[in-house]
Amino acid sequence: MDESAQDTIQSNAIAFFKTYKIPIILGGVSLLCIIVALVLLVKTSQSVTPIQFSHSDIREDSSTLGTESANLKAIAVDVEGAVAYPGVISLSVGSRVEDAIGGSVHLTA
C-alpha cells in the first residue's frame, strides 16, 4: 500500500471513532458491567457450608450418639434427576446409591 492509501484508512478510522465515540465507550462499559455481574452471581451462588444430616430422634448427649445409628432401621432417600420415577425411597441401613437408583426402576435418556 502506498502512503496516501494508509492516510485515507487512518483518517476514516479517526472519523469513525469521532462519530461513534460515545456508543463505543458505553458499549465497553456495559460489557464490563455484565461480566462483573456474572462473576458476582456465580460467586454468591456457591455454598461453602457443609451438608449436615440430622435425625429427629438423635439426642445431643455424647453417650447415645454412637448407638443411635445402630438402632435405625431404614433411610429415606430423595431420588431426583434422569429417572423414570423420582421421589422418596425407603432403603435399609447399609444400602448403596445403586440401590436407590435401582428402586426408581428405569433411567431416562
PDB file of N, CA and C in Angstrom:
ATOM      1  N   MET A   1       0.827  -1.177   0.000  1.00  0.00           N
ATOM      2  CA  MET A   1       0.000   0.000   0.000  1.00  0.00           C
ATOM      3  C   MET A   1       0.875   1.247   0.000  1.00  0.00           C
ATOM      4  N   ASP A   2       0.394   2.206  -0.715  1.00  0.00           N
ATOM      5  CA  ASP A   2       1.171   3.444  -0.726  1.00  0.00           C
ATOM      6  C   ASP A   2       0.740   4.338   0.447  1.00  0.00           C
ATOM      7  N   GLU A   3       1.448   5.418   0.617  1.00  0.00           N
ATOM      8  CA  GLU A   3       1.259   6.298   1.771  1.00  0.00           C
ATOM      9  C   GLU A   3      -0.101   6.987   1.765  1.00  0.00           C
ATOM     10  N   SER A   4      -0.626   7.327   0.601  1.00  0.00           N
ATOM     11  CA  SER A   4      -1.922   8.011   0.527  1.00  0.00           C
ATOM     12  C   SER A   4      -3.063   7.069   0.929  1.00  0.00           C
ATOM     13  N   ALA A   5      -2.950   5.781   0.609  1.00  0.00           N
ATOM     14  CA  ALA A   5      -3.972   4.813   1.000  1.00  0.00           C
ATOM     15  C   ALA A   5      -3.977   4.615   2.510  1.00  0.00           C
ATOM     16  N   GLN A   6      -2.784   4.575   3.112  1.00  0.00           N
ATOM     17  CA  GLN A   6      -2.692   4.441   4.561  1.00  0.00           C
ATOM     18  C   GLN A   6      -3.263   5.675   5.253  1.00  0.00           C
ATOM     19  N   ASP A   7      -2.994   6.856   4.723  1.00  0.00           N
ATOM     20  CA  ASP A   7      -3.545   8.088   5.284  1.00  0.00           C
ATOM     21  C   ASP A   7      -5.065   8.094   5.198  1.00  0.00           C
ATOM     22  N   THR A   8      -5.606   7.610   4.083  1.00  0.00           N
ATOM     23  CA  THR A   8      -7.058   7.554   3.904  1.00  0.00           C
ATOM     24  C   THR A   8      -7.696   6.600   4.909  1.00  0.00           C
ATOM     25  N   ILE A   9      -7.099   5.429   5.095  1.00  0.00           N
ATOM     26  CA  ILE A   9      -7.607   4.452   6.054  1.00  0.00           C
ATOM     27  C   ILE A   9      -7.543   5.019   7.469  1.00  0.00           C
ATOM     28  N   GLN A  10      -6.435   5.662   7.805  1.00  0.00           N
ATOM     29  CA  GLN A  10      -6.261   6.230   9.128  1.00  0.00           C
ATOM     30  C   GLN A  10      -7.267   7.349   9.376  1.00  0.00           C
ATOM     31  N   SER A  11      -7.484   8.210   8.374  1.00  0.00           N
ATOM     32  CA  SER A  11      -8.440   9.302   8.554  1.00  0.00           C
ATOM     33  C   SER A  11      -9.869   8.771   8.646  1.00  0.00           C
ATOM     34  N   ASN A  12     -10.178   7.696   7.920  1.00  0.00           N
ATOM     35  CA  ASN A  12     -11.503   7.067   8.038  1.00  0.00           C
ATOM     36  C   ASN A  12     -11.709   6.455   9.417  1.00  0.00           C
ATOM     37  N   ALA A  13     -10.673   5.835   9.952  1.00  0.00           N
ATOM     38  CA  ALA A  13     -10.767   5.244  11.285  1.00  0.00           C
ATOM     39  C   ALA A  13     -10.955   6.329  12.336  1.00  0.00           C
ATOM     40  N   ILE A  14     -10.237   7.424  12.207  1.00  0.00           N
ATOM     41  CA  ILE A  14     -10.371   8.534  13.156  1.00  0.00           C
ATOM     42  C   ILE A  14     -11.763   9.149  13.048  1.00  0.00           C
ATOM     43  N   ALA A  15     -12.265   9.320  11.841  1.00  0.00           N
ATOM     44  CA  ALA A  15     -13.604   9.875  11.640  1.00  0.00           C
ATOM     45  C   ALA A  15     -14.659   8.936  12.220  1.00  0.00           C
ATOM     46  N   PHE A  16     -14.474   7.625  12.031  1.00  0.00           N
ATOM     47  CA  PHE A  16     -15.412   6.643  12.582  1.00  0.00           C
ATOM     48  C   PHE A  16     -15.426   6.724  14.100  1.00  0.00           C
ATOM     49  N   PHE A  17     -14.253   6.775  14.737  1.00  0.00           N
ATOM     50  CA  PHE A  17     -14.173   6.844  16.194  1.00  0.00           C
ATOM     51  C   PHE A  17     -14.781   8.142  16.713  1.00  0.00           C
ATOM     52  N   LYS A  18     -14.532   9.264  16.022  1.00  0.00           N
ATOM     53  CA  LYS A  18     -15.112  10.538  16.458  1.00  0.00           C
ATOM     54  C   LYS A  18     -16.638  10.514  16.344  1.00  0.00           C
ATOM     55  N   THR A  19     -17.145   9.867  15.300  1.00  0.00           N
ATOM     56  CA  THR A  19     -18.596   9.798  15.099  1.00  0.00           C
ATOM     57  C   THR A  19     -19.264   8.910  16.144  1.00  0.00           C
ATOM     58  N   TYR A  20     -18.664   7.761  16.418  1.00  0.00           N
ATOM     59  CA  TYR A  20     -19.276   6.769  17.310  1.00  0.00           C
ATOM     60  C   TYR A  20     -18.531   6.640  18.638  1.00  0.00           C
ATOM     61  N   LYS A  21     -17.925   7.713  19.110  1.00  0.00           N
ATOM     62  CA  LYS A  21     -17.124   7.677  20.325  1.00  0.00           C
ATOM     63  C   LYS A  21     -17.956   7.298  21.542  1.00  0.00           C
ATOM     64  N   ILE A  22     -19.067   7.947  21.759  1.00  0.00           N
ATOM     65  CA  ILE A  22     -19.895   7.693  22.945  1.00  0.00           C
ATOM     66  C   ILE A  22     -20.510   6.291  22.905  1.00  0.00           C
ATOM     67  N   PRO A  23     -21.097   5.855  21.778  1.00  0.00           N
ATOM     68  CA  PRO A  23     -21.632   4.479  21.771  1.00  0.00           C
ATOM     69  C   PRO A  23     -20.564   3.407  21.997  1.00  0.00           C
ATOM     70  N   ILE A  24     -19.378   3.621  21.497  1.00  0.00           N
ATOM     71  CA  ILE A  24     -18.295   2.648  21.695  1.00  0.00           C
ATOM     72  C   ILE A  24     -17.919   2.587  23.177  1.00  0.00           C
ATOM     73  N   ILE A  25     -17.784   3.745  23.809  1.00  0.00           N
ATOM     74  CA  ILE A  25     -17.421   3.790  25.233  1.00  0.00           C
ATOM     75  C   ILE A  25     -18.531   3.177  26.076  1.00  0.00           C
ATOM     76  N   LEU A  26     -19.787   3.538  25.809  1.00  0.00           N
ATOM     77  CA  LEU A  26     -20.908   2.990  26.574  1.00  0.00           C
ATOM     78  C   LEU A  26     -21.048   1.480  26.371  1.00  0.00           C
ATOM     79  N   GLY A  27     -20.808   1.014  25.167  1.00  0.00           N
ATOM     80  CA  GLY A  27     -20.847  -0.424  24.914  1.00  0.00           C
ATOM     81  C   GLY A  27     -19.780  -1.166  25.695  1.00  0.00           C
ATOM     82  N   GLY A  28     -18.577  -0.600  25.747  1.00  0.00           N
ATOM     83  CA  GLY A  28     -17.497  -1.225  26.516  1.00  0.00           C
ATOM     84  C   GLY A  28     -17.790  -1.250  28.009  1.00  0.00           C
ATOM     85  N   VAL A  29     -18.320  -0.133  28.530  1.00  0.00           N
ATOM     86  CA  VAL A  29     -18.668  -0.072  29.954  1.00  0.00           C
ATOM     87  C   VAL A  29     -19.798  -1.060  30.258  1.00  0.00           C
ATOM     88  N   SER A  30     -20.780  -1.160  29.365  1.00  0.00           N
ATOM     89  CA  SER A  30     -21.880  -2.111  29.559  1.00  0.00           C
ATOM     90  C   SER A  30     -21.376  -3.547  29.576  1.00  0.00           C
ATOM     91  N   LEU A  31     -20.492  -3.870  28.667  1.00  0.00           N
ATOM     92  CA  LEU A  31     -19.919  -5.214  28.615  1.00  0.00           C
ATOM     93  C   LEU A  31     -19.144  -5.526  29.894  1.00  0.00           C
ATOM     94  N   LEU A  32     -18.391  -4.556  30.382  1.00  0.00           N
ATOM     95  CA  LEU A  32     -17.650  -4.733  31.629  1.00  0.00           C
ATOM     96  C   LEU A  32     -18.601  -4.955  32.795  1.00  0.00           C
ATOM     97  N   CYS A  33     -19.690  -4.198  32.862  1.00  0.00           N
ATOM     98  CA  CYS A  33     -20.678  -4.361  33.935  1.00  0.00           C
ATOM     99  C   CYS A  33     -21.337  -5.740  33.884  1.00  0.00           C
ATOM    100  N   ILE A  34     -21.639  -6.221  32.697  1.00  0.00           N
ATOM    101  CA  ILE A  34     -22.248  -7.546  32.560  1.00  0.00           C
ATOM    102  C   ILE A  34     -21.292  -8.629  33.032  1.00  0.00           C
ATOM    103  N   ILE A  35     -20.036  -8.518  32.685  1.00  0.00           N
ATOM    104  CA  ILE A  35     -19.036  -9.508  33.115  1.00  0.00           C
ATOM    105  C   ILE A  35     -18.894  -9.499  34.630  1.00  0.00           C
ATOM    106  N   VAL A  36     -18.822  -8.310  35.237  1.00  0.00           N
ATOM    107  CA  VAL A  36     -18.713  -8.211  36.694  1.00  0.00           C
ATOM    108  C   VAL A  36     -19.951  -8.803  37.356  1.00  0.00           C
ATOM    109  N   ALA A  37     -21.142  -8.519  36.832  1.00  0.00           N
ATOM    110  CA  ALA A  37     -22.377  -9.056  37.402  1.00  0.00           C
ATOM    111  C   ALA A  37     -22.405 -10.575  37.334  1.00  0.00           C
ATOM    112  N   LEU A  38     -21.967 -11.158  36.230  1.00  0.00           N
ATOM    113  CA  LEU A  38     -21.943 -12.616  36.101  1.00  0.00           C
ATOM    114  C   LEU A  38     -20.958 -13.247  37.079  1.00  0.00           C
ATOM    115  N   VAL A  39     -19.801 -12.629  37.243  1.00  0.00           N
ATOM    116  CA  VAL A  39     -18.817 -13.156  38.195  1.00  0.00           C
ATOM    117  C   VAL A  39     -19.372 -13.097  39.616  1.00  0.00           C
ATOM    118  N   LEU A  40     -19.993 -11.995  39.976  1.00  0.00           N
ATOM    119  CA  LEU A  40     -20.570 -11.875  41.316  1.00  0.00           C
ATOM    120  C   LEU A  40     -21.725 -12.852  41.517  1.00  0.00           C
ATOM    121  N   LEU A  41     -22.516 -13.085  40.493  1.00  0.00           N
ATOM    122  CA  LEU A  41     -23.616 -14.037  40.590  1.00  0.00           C
ATOM    123  C   LEU A  41     -23.101 -15.442  40.845  1.00  0.00           C
ATOM    124  N   VAL A  42     -22.065 -15.831  40.133  1.00  0.00           N
ATOM    125  CA  VAL A  42     -21.504 -17.170  40.314  1.00  0.00           C
ATOM    126  C   VAL A  42     -20.883 -17.307  41.699  1.00  0.00           C
ATOM    127  N   LYS A  43     -20.186 -16.279  42.148  1.00  0.00           N
ATOM    128  CA  LYS A  43     -19.540 -16.347  43.463  1.00  0.00           C
ATOM    129  C   LYS A  43     -20.550 -16.418  44.590  1.00  0.00           C
ATOM    130  N   THR A  44     -21.676 -15.707  44.482  1.00  0.00           N
ATOM    131  CA  THR A  44     -22.655 -15.707  45.568  1.00  0.00           C
ATOM    132  C   THR A  44     -23.523 -16.949  45.559  1.00  0.00           C
ATOM    133  N   SER A  45     -23.636 -17.643  44.435  1.00  0.00           N
ATOM    134  CA  SER A  45     -24.479 -18.832  44.395  1.00  0.00           C
ATOM    135  C   SER A  45     -23.756 -20.080  44.889  1.00  0.00           C
ATOM    136  N   GLN A  46     -22.453 -20.023  45.058  1.00  0.00           N
ATOM    137  CA  GLN A  46     -21.708 -21.166  45.558  1.00  0.00           C
ATOM    138  C   GLN A  46     -21.839 -21.235  47.069  1.00  0.00           C
ATOM    139  N   SER A  47     -22.072 -22.432  47.571  1.00  0.00           N
ATOM    140  CA  SER A  47     -22.239 -22.630  49.001  1.00  0.00           C
ATOM    141  C   SER A  47     -20.980 -23.264  49.579  1.00  0.00           C
ATOM    142  N   VAL A  48     -20.507 -22.726  50.683  1.00  0.00           N
ATOM    143  CA  VAL A  48     -19.330 -23.284  51.325  1.00  0.00           C
ATOM    144  C   VAL A  48     -19.683 -23.947  52.652  1.00  0.00           C
ATOM    145  N   THR A  49     -20.962 -23.930  53.019  1.00  0.00           N
ATOM    146  CA  THR A  49     -21.354 -24.563  54.273  1.00  0.00           C
ATOM    147  C   THR A  49     -21.471 -26.070  54.054  1.00  0.00           C
ATOM    148  N   PRO A  50     -20.989 -26.849  54.994  1.00  0.00           N
ATOM    149  CA  PRO A  50     -21.058 -28.301  54.824  1.00  0.00           C
ATOM    150  C   PRO A  50     -22.495 -28.806  54.986  1.00  0.00           C
ATOM    151  N   ILE A  51     -22.781 -29.932  54.367  1.00  0.00           N
ATOM    152  CA  ILE A  51     -24.088 -30.553  54.496  1.00  0.00           C
ATOM    153  C   ILE A  51     -24.179 -31.195  55.869  1.00  0.00           C
ATOM    154  N   GLN A  52     -25.288 -30.941  56.561  1.00  0.00           N
ATOM    155  CA  GLN A  52     -25.480 -31.523  57.886  1.00  0.00           C
ATOM    156  C   GLN A  52     -26.674 -32.456  57.839  1.00  0.00           C
ATOM    157  N   PHE A  53     -26.479 -33.669  58.282  1.00  0.00           N
ATOM    158  CA  PHE A  53     -27.541 -34.650  58.333  1.00  0.00           C
ATOM    159  C   PHE A  53     -28.078 -34.695  59.752  1.00  0.00           C
ATOM    160  N   SER A  54     -29.371 -34.849  59.880  1.00  0.00           N
ATOM    161  CA  SER A  54     -29.940 -34.926  61.220  1.00  0.00           C
ATOM    162  C   SER A  54     -31.049 -35.957  61.236  1.00  0.00           C
ATOM    163  N   HIS A  55     -31.365 -36.432  62.419  1.00  0.00           N
ATOM    164  CA  HIS A  55     -32.443 -37.380  62.626  1.00  0.00           C
ATOM    165  C   HIS A  55     -33.256 -36.860  63.797  1.00  0.00           C
ATOM    166  N   SER A  56     -34.550 -36.950  63.724  1.00  0.00           N
ATOM    167  CA  SER A  56     -35.397 -36.348  64.759  1.00  0.00           C
ATOM    168  C   SER A  56     -35.238 -37.026  66.113  1.00  0.00           C
ATOM    169  N   ASP A  57     -34.799 -38.283  66.156  1.00  0.00           N
ATOM    170  CA  ASP A  57     -34.670 -38.991  67.424  1.00  0.00           C
ATOM    171  C   ASP A  57     -33.286 -38.879  68.049  1.00  0.00           C
ATOM    172  N   ILE A  58     -32.336 -38.276  67.367  1.00  0.00           N
ATOM    173  CA  ILE A  58     -30.966 -38.196  67.893  1.00  0.00           C
ATOM    174  C   ILE A  58     -30.916 -37.154  69.003  1.00  0.00           C
ATOM    175  N   ARG A  59     -30.377 -37.562  70.128  1.00  0.00           N
ATOM    176  CA  ARG A  59     -30.207 -36.637  71.248  1.00  0.00           C
ATOM    177  C   ARG A  59     -28.800 -36.075  71.199  1.00  0.00           C
ATOM    178  N   GLU A  60     -28.614 -34.940  71.813  1.00  0.00           N
ATOM    179  CA  GLU A  60     -27.331 -34.239  71.732  1.00  0.00           C
ATOM    180  C   GLU A  60     -26.279 -34.764  72.702  1.00  0.00           C
ATOM    181  N   ASP A  61     -26.653 -35.595  73.700  1.00  0.00           N
ATOM    182  CA  ASP A  61     -25.618 -36.042  74.629  1.00  0.00           C
ATOM    183  C   ASP A  61     -24.710 -37.052  73.948  1.00  0.00           C
ATOM    184  N   SER A  62     -23.459 -37.026  74.298  1.00  0.00           N
ATOM    185  CA  SER A  62     -22.452 -37.816  73.594  1.00  0.00           C
ATOM    186  C   SER A  62     -22.541 -39.300  73.896  1.00  0.00           C
ATOM    187  N   SER A  63     -23.268 -39.712  74.937  1.00  0.00           N
ATOM    188  CA  SER A  63     -23.326 -41.129  75.269  1.00  0.00           C
ATOM    189  C   SER A  63     -24.182 -41.927  74.296  1.00  0.00           C
ATOM    190  N   THR A  64     -25.125 -41.284  73.618  1.00  0.00           N
ATOM    191  CA  THR A  64     -26.010 -42.023  72.725  1.00  0.00           C
ATOM    192  C   THR A  64     -25.710 -41.795  71.248  1.00  0.00           C
ATOM    193  N   LEU A  65     -24.780 -40.922  70.918  1.00  0.00           N
ATOM    194  CA  LEU A  65     -24.529 -40.618  69.510  1.00  0.00           C
ATOM    195  C   LEU A  65     -24.050 -41.832  68.728  1.00  0.00           C
ATOM    196  N   GLY A  66     -23.234 -42.657  69.302  1.00  0.00           N
ATOM    197  CA  GLY A  66     -22.720 -43.823  68.600  1.00  0.00           C
ATOM    198  C   GLY A  66     -23.734 -44.942  68.479  1.00  0.00           C
ATOM    199  N   THR A  67     -24.654 -45.064  69.434  1.00  0.00           N
ATOM    200  CA  THR A  67     -25.611 -46.168  69.423  1.00  0.00           C
ATOM    201  C   THR A  67     -26.876 -45.843  68.649  1.00  0.00           C
ATOM    202  N   GLU A  68     -27.192 -44.585  68.441  1.00  0.00           N
ATOM    203  CA  GLU A  68     -28.416 -44.226  67.733  1.00  0.00           C
ATOM    204  C   GLU A  68     -28.396 -44.714  66.289  1.00  0.00           C
ATOM    205  N   SER A  69     -27.257 -44.614  65.608  1.00  0.00           N
ATOM    206  CA  SER A  69     -27.206 -45.037  64.214  1.00  0.00           C
ATOM    207  C   SER A  69     -27.374 -46.549  64.087  1.00  0.00           C
ATOM    208  N   ALA A  70     -27.005 -47.313  65.107  1.00  0.00           N
ATOM    209  CA  ALA A  70     -27.181 -48.759  65.073  1.00  0.00           C
ATOM    210  C   ALA A  70     -28.650 -49.139  65.221  1.00  0.00           C
ATOM    211  N   ASN A  71     -29.470 -48.268  65.817  1.00  0.00           N
ATOM    212  CA  ASN A  71     -30.876 -48.562  66.030  1.00  0.00           C
ATOM    213  C   ASN A  71     -31.754 -48.183  64.837  1.00  0.00           C
ATOM    214  N   LEU A  72     -31.216 -47.479  63.856  1.00  0.00           N
ATOM    215  CA  LEU A  72     -32.012 -47.074  62.706  1.00  0.00           C
ATOM    216  C   LEU A  72     -32.337 -48.286  61.848  1.00  0.00           C
ATOM    217  N   LYS A  73     -33.562 -48.335  61.327  1.00  0.00           N
ATOM    218  CA  LYS A  73     -33.995 -49.460  60.505  1.00  0.00           C
ATOM    219  C   LYS A  73     -33.980 -49.133  59.014  1.00  0.00           C
ATOM    220  N   ALA A  74     -34.241 -47.871  58.662  1.00  0.00           N
ATOM    221  CA  ALA A  74     -34.335 -47.509  57.250  1.00  0.00           C
ATOM    222  C   ALA A  74     -33.836 -46.086  57.043  1.00  0.00           C
ATOM    223  N   ILE A  75     -33.492 -45.805  55.803  1.00  0.00           N
ATOM    224  CA  ILE A  75     -33.046 -44.479  55.400  1.00  0.00           C
ATOM    225  C   ILE A  75     -33.962 -44.020  54.270  1.00  0.00           C
ATOM    226  N   ALA A  76     -34.437 -42.779  54.355  1.00  0.00           N
ATOM    227  CA  ALA A  76     -35.258 -42.218  53.280  1.00  0.00           C
ATOM    228  C   ALA A  76     -34.350 -41.443  52.342  1.00  0.00           C
ATOM    229  N   VAL A  77     -34.429 -41.751  51.047  1.00  0.00           N
ATOM    230  CA  VAL A  77     -33.590 -41.109  50.036  1.00  0.00           C
ATOM    231  C   VAL A  77     -34.497 -40.471  48.998  1.00  0.00           C
ATOM    232  N   ASP A  78     -34.236 -39.206  48.678  1.00  0.00           N
ATOM    233  CA  ASP A  78     -34.998 -38.499  47.647  1.00  0.00           C
ATOM    234  C   ASP A  78     -34.239 -38.622  46.335  1.00  0.00           C
ATOM    235  N   VAL A  79     -34.770 -39.393  45.393  1.00  0.00           N
ATOM    236  CA  VAL A  79     -34.118 -39.638  44.100  1.00  0.00           C
ATOM    237  C   VAL A  79     -34.703 -38.652  43.088  1.00  0.00           C
ATOM    238  N   GLU A  80     -33.854 -37.826  42.498  1.00  0.00           N
ATOM    239  CA  GLU A  80     -34.269 -36.832  41.513  1.00  0.00           C
ATOM    240  C   GLU A  80     -33.376 -36.969  40.290  1.00  0.00           C
ATOM    241  N   GLY A  81     -33.782 -36.362  39.204  1.00  0.00           N
ATOM    242  CA  GLY A  81     -32.932 -36.316  38.020  1.00  0.00           C
ATOM    243  C   GLY A  81     -33.459 -37.196  36.908  1.00  0.00           C
ATOM    244  N   ALA A  82     -32.558 -37.841  36.183  1.00  0.00           N
ATOM    245  CA  ALA A  82     -32.900 -38.596  34.980  1.00  0.00           C
ATOM    246  C   ALA A  82     -33.360 -40.010  35.334  1.00  0.00           C
ATOM    247  N   VAL A  83     -34.425 -40.119  36.116  1.00  0.00           N
ATOM    248  CA  VAL A  83     -35.018 -41.406  36.444  1.00  0.00           C
ATOM    249  C   VAL A  83     -36.492 -41.355  36.066  1.00  0.00           C
ATOM    250  N   ALA A  84     -37.056 -42.514  35.793  1.00  0.00           N
ATOM    251  CA  ALA A  84     -38.452 -42.555  35.354  1.00  0.00           C
ATOM    252  C   ALA A  84     -39.404 -42.220  36.485  1.00  0.00           C
ATOM    253  N   TYR A  85     -39.101 -42.636  37.705  1.00  0.00           N
ATOM    254  CA  TYR A  85     -39.984 -42.424  38.844  1.00  0.00           C
ATOM    255  C   TYR A  85     -39.235 -41.750  39.991  1.00  0.00           C
ATOM    256  N   PRO A  86     -39.025 -40.438  39.918  1.00  0.00           N
ATOM    257  CA  PRO A  86     -38.331 -39.756  41.014  1.00  0.00           C
ATOM    258  C   PRO A  86     -39.220 -39.699  42.251  1.00  0.00           C
ATOM    259  N   GLY A  87     -38.589 -39.572  43.392  1.00  0.00           N
ATOM    260  CA  GLY A  87     -39.347 -39.455  44.636  1.00  0.00           C
ATOM    261  C   GLY A  87     -38.546 -39.987  45.798  1.00  0.00           C
ATOM    262  N   VAL A  88     -39.205 -40.070  46.944  1.00  0.00           N
ATOM    263  CA  VAL A  88     -38.564 -40.544  48.168  1.00  0.00           C
ATOM    264  C   VAL A  88     -38.684 -42.062  48.231  1.00  0.00           C
ATOM    265  N   ILE A  89     -37.549 -42.717  48.446  1.00  0.00           N
ATOM    266  CA  ILE A  89     -37.485 -44.178  48.507  1.00  0.00           C
ATOM    267  C   ILE A  89     -36.929 -44.564  49.869  1.00  0.00           C
ATOM    268  N   SER A  90     -37.508 -45.571  50.495  1.00  0.00           N
ATOM    269  CA  SER A  90     -37.029 -46.051  51.787  1.00  0.00           C
ATOM    270  C   SER A  90     -36.067 -47.215  51.553  1.00  0.00           C
ATOM    271  N   LEU A  91     -34.858 -47.084  52.102  1.00  0.00           N
ATOM    272  CA  LEU A  91     -33.826 -48.113  51.947  1.00  0.00           C
ATOM    273  C   LEU A  91     -33.390 -48.607  53.307  1.00  0.00           C
ATOM    274  N   SER A  92     -32.942 -49.835  53.365  1.00  0.00           N
ATOM    275  CA  SER A  92     -32.419 -50.350  54.624  1.00  0.00           C
ATOM    276  C   SER A  92     -31.036 -49.750  54.887  1.00  0.00           C
ATOM    277  N   VAL A  93     -30.652 -49.726  56.151  1.00  0.00           N
ATOM    278  CA  VAL A  93     -29.350 -49.182  56.524  1.00  0.00           C
ATOM    279  C   VAL A  93     -28.261 -50.035  55.877  1.00  0.00           C
ATOM    280  N   GLY A  94     -27.268 -49.393  55.286  1.00  0.00           N
ATOM    281  CA  GLY A  94     -26.184 -50.091  54.616  1.00  0.00           C
ATOM    282  C   GLY A  94     -26.376 -50.198  53.118  1.00  0.00           C
ATOM    283  N   SER A  95     -27.500 -49.695  52.609  1.00  0.00           N
ATOM    284  CA  SER A  95     -27.741 -49.727  51.173  1.00  0.00           C
ATOM    285  C   SER A  95     -26.810 -48.777  50.458  1.00  0.00           C
ATOM    286  N   ARG A  96     -26.656 -48.984  49.161  1.00  0.00           N
ATOM    287  CA  ARG A  96     -25.770 -48.172  48.325  1.00  0.00           C
ATOM    288  C   ARG A  96     -26.588 -47.243  47.433  1.00  0.00           C
ATOM    289  N   VAL A  97     -25.896 -46.323  46.771  1.00  0.00           N
ATOM    290  CA  VAL A  97     -26.536 -45.390  45.850  1.00  0.00           C
ATOM    291  C   VAL A  97     -27.220 -46.144  44.724  1.00  0.00           C
ATOM    292  N   GLU A  98     -26.599 -47.214  44.252  1.00  0.00           N
ATOM    293  CA  GLU A  98     -27.182 -48.003  43.172  1.00  0.00           C
ATOM    294  C   GLU A  98     -28.540 -48.577  43.566  1.00  0.00           C
ATOM    295  N   ASP A  99     -28.716 -48.910  44.857  1.00  0.00           N
ATOM    296  CA  ASP A  99     -29.990 -49.438  45.326  1.00  0.00           C
ATOM    297  C   ASP A  99     -31.081 -48.380  45.218  1.00  0.00           C
ATOM    298  N   ALA A 100     -30.749 -47.130  45.513  1.00  0.00           N
ATOM    299  CA  ALA A 100     -31.727 -46.045  45.413  1.00  0.00           C
ATOM    300  C   ALA A 100     -32.100 -45.798  43.962  1.00  0.00           C
ATOM    301  N   ILE A 101     -31.106 -45.800  43.079  1.00  0.00           N
ATOM    302  CA  ILE A 101     -31.378 -45.572  41.652  1.00  0.00           C
ATOM    303  C   ILE A 101     -32.142 -46.753  41.083  1.00  0.00           C
ATOM    304  N   GLY A 102     -31.773 -47.958  41.489  1.00  0.00           N
ATOM    305  CA  GLY A 102     -32.487 -49.148  41.015  1.00  0.00           C
ATOM    306  C   GLY A 102     -33.908 -49.197  41.541  1.00  0.00           C
ATOM    307  N   GLY A 103     -34.164 -48.604  42.702  1.00  0.00           N
ATOM    308  CA  GLY A 103     -35.507 -48.565  43.257  1.00  0.00           C
ATOM    309  C   GLY A 103     -36.429 -47.649  42.491  1.00  0.00           C
ATOM    310  N   SER A 104     -35.885 -46.761  41.699  1.00  0.00           N
ATOM    311  CA  SER A 104     -36.733 -45.882  40.892  1.00  0.00           C
ATOM    312  C   SER A 104     -36.965 -46.489  39.512  1.00  0.00           C
ATOM    313  N   VAL A 105     -36.667 -47.723  39.350  1.00  0.00           N
ATOM    314  CA  VAL A 105     -36.946 -48.603  38.227  1.00  0.00           C
ATOM    315  C   VAL A 105     -36.112 -48.297  36.977  1.00  0.00           C
ATOM    316  N   HIS A 106     -36.458 -47.290  36.157  1.00  0.00           N
ATOM    317  CA  HIS A 106     -35.775 -47.100  34.878  1.00  0.00           C
ATOM    318  C   HIS A 106     -35.104 -45.731  34.815  1.00  0.00           C
ATOM    319  N   LEU A 107     -33.954 -45.700  34.191  1.00  0.00           N
ATOM    320  CA  LEU A 107     -33.304 -44.433  33.892  1.00  0.00           C
ATOM    321  C   LEU A 107     -33.847 -43.899  32.568  1.00  0.00           C
ATOM    322  N   THR A 108     -33.964 -42.590  32.478  1.00  0.00           N
ATOM    323  CA  THR A 108     -34.392 -41.992  31.214  1.00  0.00           C
ATOM    324  C   THR A 108     -33.188 -41.490  30.462  1.00  0.00           C
ATOM    325  N   ALA A 109     -33.301 -41.399  29.166  1.00  0.00           N
ATOM    326  CA  ALA A 109     -32.173 -40.950  28.333  1.00  0.00           C
ATOM    327  C   ALA A 109     -32.055 -39.462  28.336  1.00  0.00           C
TER     328      ALA A 109
END
